[in-house]
Amino acid sequence: MKRMNGGLFFWGIMAAHLILGPTQLFAQNQGMWADSIEVIKRGEKPRPSAGAIIMPIEGYVMVVKDSAHVTLDVGKTGGIKKGMKLKIFREGPPMKRPVTGQMVPGIKEWLAEVEVTWANETNSEAKVTKWTLKPAKPIQVGDKFRTAEK
């Protein structure tokens, strides 16, 4: 039996994957999509599957209206909804690992918990519900936010 060239073998496997892969993928996910459509028709919210990874929503403070009201740079298209709970933080300066010299993000300083009071497609507004630091540090333009863990 003649040995196949490595390049030809690779492209043969790739061709088979391209031909068979999408068909099998569609067949596996077809049931999932049908289930989701039925849930939506009943007026219920679809739930993530057991193994789904839910990514936090993150963004920046664009405007500080007063000490307790802020405008955020993420709106409905980014997943923000009225009533959603968020946490605002300030990231400290990057740090350098002493052994490897690798730069790592600074320590997060959690400033406040906020609740979204209004959202349009591109941005949203929130009010402070709880100051996390004692004494409280004022929120500044450029501070970051992320969804609060449950």
C-alpha atoms as a PDB file:
ATOM      1  CA  MET A   1       0.000   0.000   0.000  1.00  0.00           C
ATOM      2  CA  LYS A   2       1.380   3.362  -1.006  1.00  0.00           C
ATOM      3  CA  ARG A   3       1.860   5.954   1.733  1.00  0.00           C
ATOM      4  CA  MET A   4      -0.209   9.114   1.255  1.00  0.00           C
ATOM      5  CA  ASN A   5       1.496  12.500   1.109  1.00  0.00           C
ATOM      6  CA  GLY A   6       0.837  14.475   4.359  1.00  0.00           C
ATOM      7  CA  GLY A   7      -0.566  17.463   2.465  1.00  0.00           C
ATOM      8  CA  LEU A   8      -2.993  15.337   0.443  1.00  0.00           C
ATOM      9  CA  PHE A   9      -4.122  13.519   3.577  1.00  0.00           C
ATOM     10  CA  PHE A  10      -4.797  16.835   5.340  1.00  0.00           C
ATOM     11  CA  TRP A  11      -6.834  18.214   2.453  1.00  0.00           C
ATOM     12  CA  GLY A  12      -8.738  14.945   2.135  1.00  0.00           C
ATOM     13  CA  ILE A  13      -9.755  15.133   5.789  1.00  0.00           C
ATOM     14  CA  MET A  14     -10.667  18.813   5.414  1.00  0.00           C
ATOM     15  CA  ALA A  15     -12.868  18.055   2.378  1.00  0.00           C
ATOM     16  CA  ALA A  16     -14.654  15.275   4.250  1.00  0.00           C
ATOM     17  CA  HIS A  17     -15.203  17.583   7.225  1.00  0.00           C
ATOM     18  CA  LEU A  18     -16.614  20.317   5.029  1.00  0.00           C
ATOM     19  CA  ILE A  19     -18.938  17.900   3.260  1.00  0.00           C
ATOM     20  CA  LEU A  20     -20.119  15.903   6.283  1.00  0.00           C
ATOM     21  CA  GLY A  21     -19.622  18.368   9.149  1.00  0.00           C
ATOM     22  CA  PRO A  22     -22.357  20.917   8.465  1.00  0.00           C
ATOM     23  CA  THR A  23     -24.930  18.187   7.780  1.00  0.00           C
ATOM     24  CA  GLN A  24     -24.188  16.446  11.058  1.00  0.00           C
ATOM     25  CA  LEU A  25     -24.028  19.743  12.908  1.00  0.00           C
ATOM     26  CA  PHE A  26     -27.437  20.772  11.544  1.00  0.00           C
ATOM     27  CA  ALA A  27     -28.953  17.419  12.469  1.00  0.00           C
ATOM     28  CA  GLN A  28     -27.633  17.661  16.042  1.00  0.00           C
ATOM     29  CA  ASN A  29     -28.830  21.238  16.569  1.00  0.00           C
ATOM     30  CA  GLN A  30     -32.148  20.928  14.735  1.00  0.00           C
ATOM     31  CA  GLY A  31     -33.898  19.567  17.836  1.00  0.00           C
ATOM     32  CA  MET A  32     -32.453  22.330  20.003  1.00  0.00           C
ATOM     33  CA  TRP A  33     -33.741  25.054  17.648  1.00  0.00           C
ATOM     34  CA  ALA A  34     -37.179  23.441  17.422  1.00  0.00           C
ATOM     35  CA  ASP A  35     -37.376  23.353  21.237  1.00  0.00           C
ATOM     36  CA  SER A  36     -36.350  27.017  21.488  1.00  0.00           C
ATOM     37  CA  ILE A  37     -38.965  28.071  18.928  1.00  0.00           C
ATOM     38  CA  GLU A  38     -41.701  26.235  20.866  1.00  0.00           C
ATOM     39  CA  VAL A  39     -40.655  27.945  24.105  1.00  0.00           C
ATOM     40  CA  ILE A  40     -40.799  31.372  22.429  1.00  0.00           C
ATOM     41  CA  LYS A  41     -44.219  30.621  20.900  1.00  0.00           C
ATOM     42  CA  ARG A  42     -45.521  29.867  24.413  1.00  0.00           C
ATOM     43  CA  GLY A  43     -44.270  33.300  25.513  1.00  0.00           C
ATOM     44  CA  GLU A  44     -41.553  31.917  27.788  1.00  0.00           C
ATOM     45  CA  LYS A  45     -37.903  32.909  27.879  1.00  0.00           C
ATOM     46  CA  PRO A  46     -35.530  30.322  26.403  1.00  0.00           C
ATOM     47  CA  ARG A  47     -33.125  28.979  29.024  1.00  0.00           C
ATOM     48  CA  PRO A  48     -29.477  28.270  28.300  1.00  0.00           C
ATOM     49  CA  SER A  49     -28.586  24.615  28.103  1.00  0.00           C
ATOM     50  CA  ALA A  50     -26.860  23.026  31.096  1.00  0.00           C
ATOM     51  CA  GLY A  51     -23.374  23.337  29.607  1.00  0.00           C
ATOM     52  CA  ALA A  52     -23.833  26.863  28.237  1.00  0.00           C
ATOM     53  CA  ILE A  53     -21.333  29.523  29.204  1.00  0.00           C
ATOM     54  CA  ILE A  54     -22.971  32.841  30.000  1.00  0.00           C
ATOM     55  CA  MET A  55     -20.624  35.732  29.347  1.00  0.00           C
ATOM     56  CA  PRO A  56     -20.935  38.827  31.532  1.00  0.00           C
ATOM     57  CA  ILE A  57     -21.928  42.109  29.927  1.00  0.00           C
ATOM     58  CA  GLU A  58     -19.168  44.679  30.308  1.00  0.00           C
ATOM     59  CA  GLY A  59     -18.673  48.295  29.331  1.00  0.00           C
ATOM     60  CA  TYR A  60     -17.702  51.779  30.449  1.00  0.00           C
ATOM     61  CA  VAL A  61     -19.219  54.745  32.272  1.00  0.00           C
ATOM     62  CA  MET A  62     -19.674  57.496  29.640  1.00  0.00           C
ATOM     63  CA  VAL A  63     -21.231  60.270  31.719  1.00  0.00           C
ATOM     64  CA  VAL A  64     -21.536  60.918  35.455  1.00  0.00           C
ATOM     65  CA  LYS A  65     -24.708  62.992  35.899  1.00  0.00           C
ATOM     66  CA  ASP A  66     -24.407  63.358  39.662  1.00  0.00           C
ATOM     67  CA  SER A  67     -22.988  61.207  42.435  1.00  0.00           C
ATOM     68  CA  ALA A  68     -25.720  58.591  42.031  1.00  0.00           C
ATOM     69  CA  HIS A  69     -26.649  58.558  38.299  1.00  0.00           C
ATOM     70  CA  VAL A  70     -24.492  57.421  35.358  1.00  0.00           C
ATOM     71  CA  THR A  71     -24.786  56.829  31.614  1.00  0.00           C
ATOM     72  CA  LEU A  72     -23.279  53.575  30.328  1.00  0.00           C
ATOM     73  CA  ASP A  73     -21.968  52.761  26.840  1.00  0.00           C
ATOM     74  CA  VAL A  74     -24.013  49.580  26.377  1.00  0.00           C
ATOM     75  CA  GLY A  75     -27.731  49.409  25.626  1.00  0.00           C
ATOM     76  CA  LYS A  76     -30.383  46.915  24.541  1.00  0.00           C
ATOM     77  CA  THR A  77     -28.360  45.567  21.607  1.00  0.00           C
ATOM     78  CA  GLY A  78     -25.582  44.702  24.078  1.00  0.00           C
ATOM     79  CA  GLY A  79     -28.008  42.857  26.374  1.00  0.00           C
ATOM     80  CA  ILE A  80     -28.795  45.592  28.918  1.00  0.00           C
ATOM     81  CA  LYS A  81     -32.401  45.774  30.180  1.00  0.00           C
ATOM     82  CA  LYS A  82     -34.253  48.051  32.591  1.00  0.00           C
ATOM     83  CA  GLY A  83     -33.985  46.702  36.147  1.00  0.00           C
ATOM     84  CA  MET A  84     -30.715  44.849  35.521  1.00  0.00           C
ATOM     85  CA  LYS A  85     -28.164  44.915  38.365  1.00  0.00           C
ATOM     86  CA  LEU A  86     -24.588  45.899  37.528  1.00  0.00           C
ATOM     87  CA  LYS A  87     -21.365  46.506  39.451  1.00  0.00           C
ATOM     88  CA  ILE A  88     -19.091  49.457  38.739  1.00  0.00           C
ATOM     89  CA  PHE A  89     -15.349  49.129  39.301  1.00  0.00           C
ATOM     90  CA  ARG A  90     -12.079  50.902  38.663  1.00  0.00           C
ATOM     91  CA  GLU A  91      -9.160  48.848  37.446  1.00  0.00           C
ATOM     92  CA  GLY A  92      -5.828  49.704  39.003  1.00  0.00           C
ATOM     93  CA  PRO A  93      -2.637  50.141  37.004  1.00  0.00           C
ATOM     94  CA  PRO A  94      -1.196  47.030  35.305  1.00  0.00           C
ATOM     95  CA  MET A  95       1.253  45.047  37.393  1.00  0.00           C
ATOM     96  CA  LYS A  96       4.422  43.228  36.361  1.00  0.00           C
ATOM     97  CA  ARG A  97       5.106  39.692  37.568  1.00  0.00           C
ATOM     98  CA  PRO A  98       8.533  39.732  39.241  1.00  0.00           C
ATOM     99  CA  VAL A  99       9.786  36.388  37.894  1.00  0.00           C
ATOM    100  CA  THR A 100       8.428  36.320  34.338  1.00  0.00           C
ATOM    101  CA  GLY A 101       8.100  40.052  33.660  1.00  0.00           C
ATOM    102  CA  GLN A 102       4.601  39.398  32.266  1.00  0.00           C
ATOM    103  CA  MET A 103       2.165  42.309  32.589  1.00  0.00           C
ATOM    104  CA  VAL A 104      -1.162  41.464  34.244  1.00  0.00           C
ATOM    105  CA  PRO A 105      -4.302  43.578  34.781  1.00  0.00           C
ATOM    106  CA  GLY A 106      -4.458  45.751  37.880  1.00  0.00           C
ATOM    107  CA  ILE A 107      -6.557  44.977  40.933  1.00  0.00           C
ATOM    108  CA  LYS A 108     -10.256  45.819  40.590  1.00  0.00           C
ATOM    109  CA  GLU A 109     -11.627  48.302  43.092  1.00  0.00           C
ATOM    110  CA  TRP A 110     -15.388  47.691  43.311  1.00  0.00           C
ATOM    111  CA  LEU A 111     -17.058  51.089  43.711  1.00  0.00           C
ATOM    112  CA  ALA A 112     -20.826  50.609  43.602  1.00  0.00           C
ATOM    113  CA  GLU A 113     -23.784  48.481  42.651  1.00  0.00           C
ATOM    114  CA  VAL A 114     -26.239  50.101  40.242  1.00  0.00           C
ATOM    115  CA  GLU A 115     -29.622  49.317  38.717  1.00  0.00           C
ATOM    116  CA  VAL A 116     -30.474  50.171  35.118  1.00  0.00           C
ATOM    117  CA  THR A 117     -33.328  52.707  35.026  1.00  0.00           C
ATOM    118  CA  TRP A 118     -33.492  53.230  31.252  1.00  0.00           C
ATOM    119  CA  ALA A 119     -31.989  51.719  28.109  1.00  0.00           C
ATOM    120  CA  ASN A 120     -32.108  52.479  24.401  1.00  0.00           C
ATOM    121  CA  GLU A 121     -30.370  50.534  21.635  1.00  0.00           C
ATOM    122  CA  THR A 122     -26.862  51.927  22.215  1.00  0.00           C
ATOM    123  CA  ASN A 123     -26.604  53.144  25.816  1.00  0.00           C
ATOM    124  CA  SER A 124     -28.320  53.069  29.180  1.00  0.00           C
ATOM    125  CA  GLU A 125     -28.685  54.936  32.452  1.00  0.00           C
ATOM    126  CA  ALA A 126     -28.354  53.564  35.956  1.00  0.00           C
ATOM    127  CA  LYS A 127     -28.685  54.741  39.546  1.00  0.00           C
ATOM    128  CA  VAL A 128     -26.488  53.723  42.465  1.00  0.00           C
ATOM    129  CA  THR A 129     -28.252  51.331  44.848  1.00  0.00           C
ATOM    130  CA  LYS A 130     -25.281  50.579  47.108  1.00  0.00           C
ATOM    131  CA  TRP A 131     -21.797  52.001  47.606  1.00  0.00           C
ATOM    132  CA  THR A 132     -19.305  49.162  48.022  1.00  0.00           C
ATOM    133  CA  LEU A 133     -16.332  51.117  49.355  1.00  0.00           C
ATOM    134  CA  LYS A 134     -16.361  52.845  52.730  1.00  0.00           C
ATOM    135  CA  PRO A 135     -15.805  55.753  52.449  1.00  0.00           C
ATOM    136  CA  ALA A 136     -17.368  55.865  48.994  1.00  0.00           C
ATOM    137  CA  LYS A 137     -15.200  56.939  46.059  1.00  0.00           C
ATOM    138  CA  PRO A 138     -16.976  58.924  43.342  1.00  0.00           C
ATOM    139  CA  ILE A 139     -17.655  57.193  40.033  1.00  0.00           C
ATOM    140  CA  GLN A 140     -15.670  58.684  37.140  1.00  0.00           C
ATOM    141  CA  VAL A 141     -15.967  58.667  33.359  1.00  0.00           C
ATOM    142  CA  GLY A 142     -13.960  55.659  32.148  1.00  0.00           C
ATOM    143  CA  ASP A 143     -14.776  53.421  35.134  1.00  0.00           C
ATOM    144  CA  LYS A 144     -15.951  49.993  34.036  1.00  0.00           C
ATOM    145  CA  PHE A 145     -19.071  47.963  34.763  1.00  0.00           C
ATOM    146  CA  ARG A 146     -20.113  44.349  34.471  1.00  0.00           C
ATOM    147  CA  THR A 147     -23.220  42.334  35.211  1.00  0.00           C
ATOM    148  CA  ALA A 148     -23.541  41.275  38.826  1.00  0.00           C
ATOM    149  CA  GLU A 149     -23.158  37.562  39.576  1.00  0.00           C
ATOM    150  CA  LYS A 150     -26.211  35.872  41.018  1.00  0.00           C
END
